[in-house]
C-alpha cells in the first residue's frame, strides 16, 4: 500500500459523515480562489485582500455609534441576494432596531430576509442553541450527537438555503448567568467566558455551512495607553475566531459630508480599517462614500484610485492621467470622465481585476517553484542517504569477510 493510500485509509477511519475526507495536501490549495460576497465598495474589497466577505468565515464589524456598521451589513445582505437569487439571509436583531422600510429603500428584498428578534435573539444560550443545536445526553450522561438539530445543520444538509448570517449586535447578547442574576449586579467576564467556548463551536459550523457570518460589535475605550484608543466586547480568545476584523468610522472633515439640494446631510465618507485579515497584509485603510438611502456611492472615484494603484492608468507627469490613447489633465477631469462614461469605468475595473489576478498568479508561481525546489532537495537528500547506507553496508560486509 502506497503512502497516499495509507494516509487516505487513516483519515477514512475518522470519517462519520457521508464518507467525506477532511484532509488534503497543502500544495493542492495553492491557486484556489476564495468564494466571496462583495462588500459593495471596490476599495474595501481590495483592502480585505479577498475581494469581499469569504464564505465559511466569521467577519466582525465594529465602531462607535452611527459609524455605518449596520449599513454595511445591510449592503452585504443586498449583495448576497444578487449572488444567489433563490437564497435567504438570516438577520439576528438583538438590538431590536431592524427597519424593513430602510432595507427596502436600500434595494433589499425583505421577503427573503429571515428576521430573528426578541428573547431568541438576545438570550445567548437560546440563540446559539438555535444556531448549533442541542447535544444529546445518554443514560450515562455522556454527550453523543444532537437531540435537536440547529439551523446550521439544516444549511449543511442543504434543506435550508441561507447564504449569509448577520448578528446585530454581539454587545447586546445576554450570556448565561446574567439572565438569572439581579438587575444591576456586576458579573465579571461572563460574556467573554461564554464566547470563548461558543465561538470555537460556531467557527467550525460556519466553515461546514460555507457561508459568511458577520458579527456587529460595540466599540469600547481601550485603557491601554499604547496602541489604538478603542477595543471591542468579547475578549482576546474570541478574537482568534475572526478571519477579518474591520473598524468603521465616519470621517469628520467638513468636505466629508454628502448633502442634498436642501443642504441636508444624506451621507458621508466612511473610513474602514482592516485591523485583521487572514487573506493578506494588515492593517490596511480605505475611504469611500456612502448614501444612507442607496448605499456606497461615487464608485467611479474608487475605480479611479484602484486604476492608479495597479498602474492601469499611468501618470506621465505630476498632473496628467493617461490610459491608452486617452489622457486627462488633473484628477478632477479624470474622475469626471469616469462618471460620465460608465463603460470606461467598467473597462478600467476589469483591467484592475486582471492586474490583481496577475500579481496573485506571480506569487503562486513563486510559491510553487519554492515547493518544487524543496521537494527536489528532499529527493536528492534521500538518494544520497540511500547511497551512503549502501556504502556503509558494503564496507561492513568487506570488513567481516577479511576477518
Foldseek 3Di string as FASTA:
>chain_A
DDPVVVVLVVQQVVDDPPSDRPDDDPLVCQPDQFDAQAQQAQVVLVQLLRNHFGWLAEEEEEEAPPLCPVVSVLVSQVSVCVVPVPAAAEELCLVPDDDPVLSVLQVHDVVRYHYHYDPCSAAPVNVLCQAANAFDQDPVRDTDHHPGGHPLVCLLVVVHGHAEYERPALVRHDAPPRVPDDPPDDDPCRQQVRLLVSLVSVSVSSNSSGHYYYHYWYWDADPDPDDDRIDTPHDDSNVVRHQWYKYKGFDPDPVQFDADPVRDGQWGKMKIFTQHHNNDDDGDIDIFIAGSRHGTDLSLVSLVVLLDVLVCWDDPDPQWIDHVVDIDGHPVVVSVVCVVDVVVSVVSVVVSVVSSVVVSVVVSVVVVVVVVVVVVVVVVVVVVVVVVVVVVVVVVVVVVVVD
